[in-house]
């Protein structure tokens, strides 16, 4: 028996911190500090940032090219312990 299903894609309008961090290619910890300056909504007692607000934040970051000039702090710490 064949079933013709409908695929529905729902694009969220807002994301909670863990998903917001992933959205900007980071982590929850990475987004926590910028979230203090971003507008958010309280939904069910949790903070949720609008996608448009996350897009504006991401676009405000400077573009970079070429190799990193200095090691990321975590990378530098790992090198010191080896």
PDB file of N, CA and C in Angstrom:
ATOM      1  N   UNK A   1       0.846  -1.179   0.000  1.00  0.00           N
ATOM      2  CA  UNK A   1       0.000   0.000   0.000  1.00  0.00           C
ATOM      3  C   UNK A   1       0.890   1.241   0.000  1.00  0.00           C
ATOM      4  N   UNK A   2       0.624   2.143  -0.903  1.00  0.00           N
ATOM      5  CA  UNK A   2       1.420   3.370  -1.030  1.00  0.00           C
ATOM      6  C   UNK A   2       0.699   4.524  -0.338  1.00  0.00           C
ATOM      7  N   UNK A   3       1.486   5.294   0.381  1.00  0.00           N
ATOM      8  CA  UNK A   3       0.926   6.455   1.065  1.00  0.00           C
ATOM      9  C   UNK A   3       1.570   7.716   0.513  1.00  0.00           C
ATOM     10  N   UNK A   4       0.756   8.621   0.035  1.00  0.00           N
ATOM     11  CA  UNK A   4       1.255   9.915  -0.432  1.00  0.00           C
ATOM     12  C   UNK A   4       1.216  10.873   0.752  1.00  0.00           C
ATOM     13  N   UNK A   5       2.378  11.104   1.325  1.00  0.00           N
ATOM     14  CA  UNK A   5       2.455  11.978   2.487  1.00  0.00           C
ATOM     15  C   UNK A   5       2.851  13.387   2.092  1.00  0.00           C
ATOM     16  N   UNK A   6       2.636  14.266   2.989  1.00  0.00           N
ATOM     17  CA  UNK A   6       3.022  15.655   2.814  1.00  0.00           C
ATOM     18  C   UNK A   6       4.155  15.943   3.778  1.00  0.00           C
ATOM     19  N   UNK A   7       5.236  16.480   3.256  1.00  0.00           N
ATOM     20  CA  UNK A   7       6.356  16.857   4.102  1.00  0.00           C
ATOM     21  C   UNK A   7       6.199  18.327   4.456  1.00  0.00           C
ATOM     22  N   UNK A   8       6.219  18.605   5.726  1.00  0.00           N
ATOM     23  CA  UNK A   8       6.058  19.979   6.196  1.00  0.00           C
ATOM     24  C   UNK A   8       7.342  20.396   6.904  1.00  0.00           C
ATOM     25  N   UNK A   9       7.892  21.518   6.491  1.00  0.00           N
ATOM     26  CA  UNK A   9       9.067  22.079   7.146  1.00  0.00           C
ATOM     27  C   UNK A   9       8.633  23.344   7.864  1.00  0.00           C
ATOM     28  N   UNK A  10       8.845  23.373   9.164  1.00  0.00           N
ATOM     29  CA  UNK A  10       8.487  24.540   9.961  1.00  0.00           C
ATOM     30  C   UNK A  10       9.773  25.232  10.376  1.00  0.00           C
ATOM     31  N   UNK A  11       9.930  26.459   9.941  1.00  0.00           N
ATOM     32  CA  UNK A  11      11.116  27.224  10.316  1.00  0.00           C
ATOM     33  C   UNK A  11      10.794  28.012  11.583  1.00  0.00           C
ATOM     34  N   UNK A  12      11.566  27.783  12.642  1.00  0.00           N
ATOM     35  CA  UNK A  12      11.269  28.497  13.888  1.00  0.00           C
ATOM     36  C   UNK A  12      11.499  30.001  13.745  1.00  0.00           C
ATOM     37  N   UNK A  13      10.714  30.767  14.479  1.00  0.00           N
ATOM     38  CA  UNK A  13      10.891  32.222  14.481  1.00  0.00           C
ATOM     39  C   UNK A  13      11.796  32.665  15.604  1.00  0.00           C
ATOM     40  N   UNK A  14      11.956  31.809  16.619  1.00  0.00           N
ATOM     41  CA  UNK A  14      12.791  32.146  17.769  1.00  0.00           C
ATOM     42  C   UNK A  14      13.460  30.872  18.272  1.00  0.00           C
ATOM     43  N   UNK A  15      14.631  31.050  18.919  1.00  0.00           N
ATOM     44  CA  UNK A  15      15.388  29.919  19.430  1.00  0.00           C
ATOM     45  C   UNK A  15      15.797  30.164  20.877  1.00  0.00           C
ATOM     46  N   UNK A  16      15.801  29.108  21.670  1.00  0.00           N
ATOM     47  CA  UNK A  16      16.309  29.179  23.037  1.00  0.00           C
ATOM     48  C   UNK A  16      17.830  29.126  22.985  1.00  0.00           C
ATOM     49  N   UNK A  17      18.511  29.485  24.094  1.00  0.00           N
ATOM     50  CA  UNK A  17      19.982  29.592  24.070  1.00  0.00           C
ATOM     51  C   UNK A  17      20.753  28.422  23.449  1.00  0.00           C
ATOM     52  N   UNK A  18      20.460  27.162  23.758  1.00  0.00           N
ATOM     53  CA  UNK A  18      21.267  26.096  23.141  1.00  0.00           C
ATOM     54  C   UNK A  18      21.162  26.083  21.615  1.00  0.00           C
ATOM     55  N   UNK A  19      19.945  26.248  21.113  1.00  0.00           N
ATOM     56  CA  UNK A  19      19.739  26.242  19.670  1.00  0.00           C
ATOM     57  C   UNK A  19      20.258  27.537  19.036  1.00  0.00           C
ATOM     58  N   UNK A  20      20.141  28.651  19.764  1.00  0.00           N
ATOM     59  CA  UNK A  20      20.655  29.925  19.258  1.00  0.00           C
ATOM     60  C   UNK A  20      22.169  29.844  19.083  1.00  0.00           C
ATOM     61  N   UNK A  21      22.844  29.210  20.032  1.00  0.00           N
ATOM     62  CA  UNK A  21      24.293  29.021  19.919  1.00  0.00           C
ATOM     63  C   UNK A  21      24.650  28.211  18.693  1.00  0.00           C
ATOM     64  N   UNK A  22      23.928  27.130  18.459  1.00  0.00           N
ATOM     65  CA  UNK A  22      24.173  26.298  17.277  1.00  0.00           C
ATOM     66  C   UNK A  22      23.883  27.077  15.995  1.00  0.00           C
ATOM     67  N   UNK A  23      22.843  27.901  16.032  1.00  0.00           N
ATOM     68  CA  UNK A  23      22.459  28.685  14.848  1.00  0.00           C
ATOM     69  C   UNK A  23      23.597  29.594  14.383  1.00  0.00           C
ATOM     70  N   UNK A  24      24.346  30.150  15.330  1.00  0.00           N
ATOM     71  CA  UNK A  24      25.455  31.033  14.939  1.00  0.00           C
ATOM     72  C   UNK A  24      26.782  30.279  14.892  1.00  0.00           C
ATOM     73  N   UNK A  25      26.706  28.941  14.796  1.00  0.00           N
ATOM     74  CA  UNK A  25      27.899  28.082  14.681  1.00  0.00           C
ATOM     75  C   UNK A  25      28.747  28.127  15.942  1.00  0.00           C
ATOM     76  N   UNK A  26      28.094  28.191  17.063  1.00  0.00           N
ATOM     77  CA  UNK A  26      28.816  28.218  18.322  1.00  0.00           C
ATOM     78  C   UNK A  26      28.191  27.281  19.334  1.00  0.00           C
ATOM     79  N   UNK A  27      28.254  27.658  20.581  1.00  0.00           N
ATOM     80  CA  UNK A  27      27.707  26.856  21.670  1.00  0.00           C
ATOM     81  C   UNK A  27      26.793  27.729  22.517  1.00  0.00           C
ATOM     82  N   UNK A  28      26.101  27.091  23.447  1.00  0.00           N
ATOM     83  CA  UNK A  28      25.248  27.851  24.355  1.00  0.00           C
ATOM     84  C   UNK A  28      26.080  28.877  25.117  1.00  0.00           C
ATOM     85  N   UNK A  29      27.269  28.472  25.561  1.00  0.00           N
ATOM     86  CA  UNK A  29      28.135  29.387  26.298  1.00  0.00           C
ATOM     87  C   UNK A  29      28.556  30.582  25.467  1.00  0.00           C
ATOM     88  N   UNK A  30      28.753  30.356  24.170  1.00  0.00           N
ATOM     89  CA  UNK A  30      29.176  31.439  23.285  1.00  0.00           C
ATOM     90  C   UNK A  30      28.078  32.484  23.093  1.00  0.00           C
ATOM     91  N   UNK A  31      26.831  32.054  23.119  1.00  0.00           N
ATOM     92  CA  UNK A  31      25.724  32.989  22.881  1.00  0.00           C
ATOM     93  C   UNK A  31      25.237  33.657  24.158  1.00  0.00           C
ATOM     94  N   UNK A  32      25.550  33.096  25.337  1.00  0.00           N
ATOM     95  CA  UNK A  32      25.040  33.654  26.587  1.00  0.00           C
ATOM     96  C   UNK A  32      25.422  35.122  26.776  1.00  0.00           C
ATOM     97  N   UNK A  33      26.680  35.458  26.550  1.00  0.00           N
ATOM     98  CA  UNK A  33      27.116  36.843  26.742  1.00  0.00           C
ATOM     99  C   UNK A  33      26.451  37.790  25.738  1.00  0.00           C
ATOM    100  N   UNK A  34      26.478  37.498  24.429  1.00  0.00           N
ATOM    101  CA  UNK A  34      25.794  38.398  23.493  1.00  0.00           C
ATOM    102  C   UNK A  34      24.293  38.483  23.741  1.00  0.00           C
ATOM    103  N   UNK A  35      23.687  37.413  24.272  1.00  0.00           N
ATOM    104  CA  UNK A  35      22.237  37.440  24.509  1.00  0.00           C
ATOM    105  C   UNK A  35      21.849  38.517  25.500  1.00  0.00           C
ATOM    106  N   UNK A  36      22.774  38.904  26.353  1.00  0.00           N
ATOM    107  CA  UNK A  36      22.451  39.965  27.322  1.00  0.00           C
ATOM    108  C   UNK A  36      22.168  41.289  26.612  1.00  0.00           C
ATOM    109  N   UNK A  37      22.701  41.443  25.393  1.00  0.00           N
ATOM    110  CA  UNK A  37      22.461  42.657  24.637  1.00  0.00           C
ATOM    111  C   UNK A  37      21.434  42.489  23.532  1.00  0.00           C
ATOM    112  N   UNK A  38      20.909  41.273  23.374  1.00  0.00           N
ATOM    113  CA  UNK A  38      19.918  41.018  22.332  1.00  0.00           C
ATOM    114  C   UNK A  38      18.514  41.046  22.918  1.00  0.00           C
ATOM    115  N   UNK A  39      17.573  41.482  22.103  1.00  0.00           N
ATOM    116  CA  UNK A  39      16.178  41.435  22.528  1.00  0.00           C
ATOM    117  C   UNK A  39      15.732  39.978  22.497  1.00  0.00           C
ATOM    118  N   UNK A  40      14.941  39.588  23.480  1.00  0.00           N
ATOM    119  CA  UNK A  40      14.414  38.228  23.501  1.00  0.00           C
ATOM    120  C   UNK A  40      12.973  38.248  24.000  1.00  0.00           C
ATOM    121  N   UNK A  41      12.313  37.156  23.817  1.00  0.00           N
ATOM    122  CA  UNK A  41      10.949  36.973  24.294  1.00  0.00           C
ATOM    123  C   UNK A  41      10.982  35.909  25.384  1.00  0.00           C
ATOM    124  N   UNK A  42      10.090  36.012  26.352  1.00  0.00           N
ATOM    125  CA  UNK A  42       9.915  34.951  27.332  1.00  0.00           C
ATOM    126  C   UNK A  42       8.777  34.072  26.840  1.00  0.00           C
ATOM    127  N   UNK A  43       9.117  32.822  26.564  1.00  0.00           N
ATOM    128  CA  UNK A  43       8.120  31.875  26.074  1.00  0.00           C
ATOM    129  C   UNK A  43       8.126  30.689  27.029  1.00  0.00           C
ATOM    130  N   UNK A  44       7.042  30.508  27.723  1.00  0.00           N
ATOM    131  CA  UNK A  44       6.962  29.421  28.692  1.00  0.00           C
ATOM    132  C   UNK A  44       8.017  29.530  29.781  1.00  0.00           C
ATOM    133  N   UNK A  45       8.399  30.734  30.138  1.00  0.00           N
ATOM    134  CA  UNK A  45       9.389  30.945  31.184  1.00  0.00           C
ATOM    135  C   UNK A  45      10.835  30.849  30.706  1.00  0.00           C
ATOM    136  N   UNK A  46      11.051  30.587  29.416  1.00  0.00           N
ATOM    137  CA  UNK A  46      12.413  30.493  28.867  1.00  0.00           C
ATOM    138  C   UNK A  46      12.659  31.621  27.883  1.00  0.00           C
ATOM    139  N   UNK A  47      13.921  32.072  27.831  1.00  0.00           N
ATOM    140  CA  UNK A  47      14.295  33.107  26.870  1.00  0.00           C
ATOM    141  C   UNK A  47      14.365  32.503  25.475  1.00  0.00           C
ATOM    142  N   UNK A  48      13.875  33.249  24.504  1.00  0.00           N
ATOM    143  CA  UNK A  48      13.964  32.835  23.108  1.00  0.00           C
ATOM    144  C   UNK A  48      14.278  34.077  22.280  1.00  0.00           C
ATOM    145  N   UNK A  49      15.325  33.980  21.469  1.00  0.00           N
ATOM    146  CA  UNK A  49      15.757  35.106  20.641  1.00  0.00           C
ATOM    147  C   UNK A  49      15.197  34.930  19.240  1.00  0.00           C
ATOM    148  N   UNK A  50      14.648  36.002  18.687  1.00  0.00           N
ATOM    149  CA  UNK A  50      14.132  35.940  17.325  1.00  0.00           C
ATOM    150  C   UNK A  50      15.270  35.684  16.348  1.00  0.00           C
ATOM    151  N   UNK A  51      14.978  34.904  15.320  1.00  0.00           N
ATOM    152  CA  UNK A  51      15.961  34.593  14.283  1.00  0.00           C
ATOM    153  C   UNK A  51      16.523  35.884  13.687  1.00  0.00           C
ATOM    154  N   UNK A  52      15.668  36.880  13.465  1.00  0.00           N
ATOM    155  CA  UNK A  52      16.116  38.150  12.881  1.00  0.00           C
ATOM    156  C   UNK A  52      17.153  38.826  13.775  1.00  0.00           C
ATOM    157  N   UNK A  53      16.963  38.729  15.087  1.00  0.00           N
ATOM    158  CA  UNK A  53      17.905  39.324  16.032  1.00  0.00           C
ATOM    159  C   UNK A  53      19.251  38.599  15.973  1.00  0.00           C
ATOM    160  N   UNK A  54      19.217  37.261  15.874  1.00  0.00           N
ATOM    161  CA  UNK A  54      20.452  36.489  15.744  1.00  0.00           C
ATOM    162  C   UNK A  54      21.163  36.813  14.428  1.00  0.00           C
ATOM    163  N   UNK A  55      20.390  36.978  13.362  1.00  0.00           N
ATOM    164  CA  UNK A  55      20.978  37.337  12.064  1.00  0.00           C
ATOM    165  C   UNK A  55      21.674  38.694  12.141  1.00  0.00           C
ATOM    166  N   UNK A  56      21.036  39.669  12.804  1.00  0.00           N
ATOM    167  CA  UNK A  56      21.649  41.003  12.946  1.00  0.00           C
ATOM    168  C   UNK A  56      22.951  40.903  13.740  1.00  0.00           C
ATOM    169  N   UNK A  57      22.949  40.113  14.810  1.00  0.00           N
ATOM    170  CA  UNK A  57      24.159  39.936  15.616  1.00  0.00           C
ATOM    171  C   UNK A  57      25.273  39.320  14.767  1.00  0.00           C
ATOM    172  N   UNK A  58      24.953  38.275  14.039  1.00  0.00           N
ATOM    173  CA  UNK A  58      25.949  37.589  13.222  1.00  0.00           C
ATOM    174  C   UNK A  58      26.503  38.520  12.139  1.00  0.00           C
ATOM    175  N   UNK A  59      25.636  39.305  11.527  1.00  0.00           N
ATOM    176  CA  UNK A  59      26.081  40.247  10.494  1.00  0.00           C
ATOM    177  C   UNK A  59      26.930  41.374  11.078  1.00  0.00           C
ATOM    178  N   UNK A  60      26.774  41.660  12.376  1.00  0.00           N
ATOM    179  CA  UNK A  60      27.551  42.742  12.993  1.00  0.00           C
ATOM    180  C   UNK A  60      28.994  42.330  13.269  1.00  0.00           C
ATOM    181  N   UNK A  61      29.268  41.022  13.264  1.00  0.00           N
ATOM    182  CA  UNK A  61      30.631  40.548  13.508  1.00  0.00           C
ATOM    183  C   UNK A  61      31.496  40.832  12.288  1.00  0.00           C
ATOM    184  N   UNK A  62      32.756  41.193  12.482  1.00  0.00           N
ATOM    185  CA  UNK A  62      33.611  41.505  11.340  1.00  0.00           C
ATOM    186  C   UNK A  62      33.957  40.247  10.526  1.00  0.00           C
ATOM    187  N   UNK A  63      34.083  40.437   9.221  1.00  0.00           N
ATOM    188  CA  UNK A  63      34.554  39.368   8.349  1.00  0.00           C
ATOM    189  C   UNK A  63      36.051  39.223   8.543  1.00  0.00           C
ATOM    190  N   UNK A  64      36.539  38.001   8.474  1.00  0.00           N
ATOM    191  CA  UNK A  64      37.974  37.764   8.608  1.00  0.00           C
ATOM    192  C   UNK A  64      38.432  36.838   7.496  1.00  0.00           C
ATOM    193  N   UNK A  65      39.687  36.960   7.123  1.00  0.00           N
ATOM    194  CA  UNK A  65      40.267  36.091   6.101  1.00  0.00           C
ATOM    195  C   UNK A  65      41.646  35.637   6.566  1.00  0.00           C
ATOM    196  N   UNK A  66      42.157  34.606   5.919  1.00  0.00           N
ATOM    197  CA  UNK A  66      43.503  34.142   6.215  1.00  0.00           C
ATOM    198  C   UNK A  66      43.580  33.357   7.503  1.00  0.00           C
ATOM    199  N   UNK A  67      44.776  32.937   7.870  1.00  0.00           N
ATOM    200  CA  UNK A  67      44.949  32.153   9.092  1.00  0.00           C
ATOM    201  C   UNK A  67      44.751  33.026  10.334  1.00  0.00           C
ATOM    202  N   UNK A  68      44.390  32.370  11.417  1.00  0.00           N
ATOM    203  CA  UNK A  68      44.252  33.097  12.681  1.00  0.00           C
ATOM    204  C   UNK A  68      45.617  33.599  13.105  1.00  0.00           C
ATOM    205  N   UNK A  69      45.694  34.797  13.593  1.00  0.00           N
ATOM    206  CA  UNK A  69      46.971  35.384  13.984  1.00  0.00           C
ATOM    207  C   UNK A  69      47.438  34.876  15.346  1.00  0.00           C
ATOM    208  N   UNK A  70      46.506  34.542  16.219  1.00  0.00           N
ATOM    209  CA  UNK A  70      46.881  34.029  17.528  1.00  0.00           C
ATOM    210  C   UNK A  70      46.007  32.823  17.835  1.00  0.00           C
ATOM    211  N   UNK A  71      46.536  31.919  18.602  1.00  0.00           N
ATOM    212  CA  UNK A  71      45.795  30.704  18.944  1.00  0.00           C
ATOM    213  C   UNK A  71      44.583  31.049  19.788  1.00  0.00           C
ATOM    214  N   UNK A  72      43.520  30.326  19.564  1.00  0.00           N
ATOM    215  CA  UNK A  72      42.321  30.464  20.383  1.00  0.00           C
ATOM    216  C   UNK A  72      42.715  30.123  21.818  1.00  0.00           C
ATOM    217  N   UNK A  73      42.101  30.740  22.788  1.00  0.00           N
ATOM    218  CA  UNK A  73      42.477  30.572  24.189  1.00  0.00           C
ATOM    219  C   UNK A  73      42.489  29.092  24.599  1.00  0.00           C
ATOM    220  N   UNK A  74      41.481  28.324  24.212  1.00  0.00           N
ATOM    221  CA  UNK A  74      41.446  26.904  24.575  1.00  0.00           C
ATOM    222  C   UNK A  74      42.585  26.144  23.911  1.00  0.00           C
ATOM    223  N   UNK A  75      42.903  26.488  22.666  1.00  0.00           N
ATOM    224  CA  UNK A  75      44.005  25.830  21.967  1.00  0.00           C
ATOM    225  C   UNK A  75      45.316  26.131  22.667  1.00  0.00           C
ATOM    226  N   UNK A  76      45.518  27.373  23.048  1.00  0.00           N
ATOM    227  CA  UNK A  76      46.757  27.764  23.745  1.00  0.00           C
ATOM    228  C   UNK A  76      46.871  27.025  25.073  1.00  0.00           C
ATOM    229  N   UNK A  77      45.776  26.866  25.791  1.00  0.00           N
ATOM    230  CA  UNK A  77      45.803  26.162  27.080  1.00  0.00           C
ATOM    231  C   UNK A  77      46.163  24.689  26.890  1.00  0.00           C
ATOM    232  N   UNK A  78      45.636  24.061  25.833  1.00  0.00           N
ATOM    233  CA  UNK A  78      45.976  22.661  25.575  1.00  0.00           C
ATOM    234  C   UNK A  78      47.446  22.514  25.249  1.00  0.00           C
ATOM    235  N   UNK A  79      48.006  23.457  24.515  1.00  0.00           N
ATOM    236  CA  UNK A  79      49.435  23.376  24.150  1.00  0.00           C
ATOM    237  C   UNK A  79      50.319  23.477  25.384  1.00  0.00           C
ATOM    238  N   UNK A  80      49.888  24.271  26.363  1.00  0.00           N
ATOM    239  CA  UNK A  80      50.690  24.447  27.585  1.00  0.00           C
ATOM    240  C   UNK A  80      50.709  23.178  28.425  1.00  0.00           C
ATOM    241  N   UNK A  81      49.653  22.368  28.371  1.00  0.00           N
ATOM    242  CA  UNK A  81      49.589  21.175  29.216  1.00  0.00           C
ATOM    243  C   UNK A  81      50.267  19.959  28.577  1.00  0.00           C
ATOM    244  N   UNK A  82      50.628  20.041  27.315  1.00  0.00           N
ATOM    245  CA  UNK A  82      51.226  18.892  26.634  1.00  0.00           C
ATOM    246  C   UNK A  82      52.716  18.829  26.890  1.00  0.00           C
TER     247      UNK A  82
END
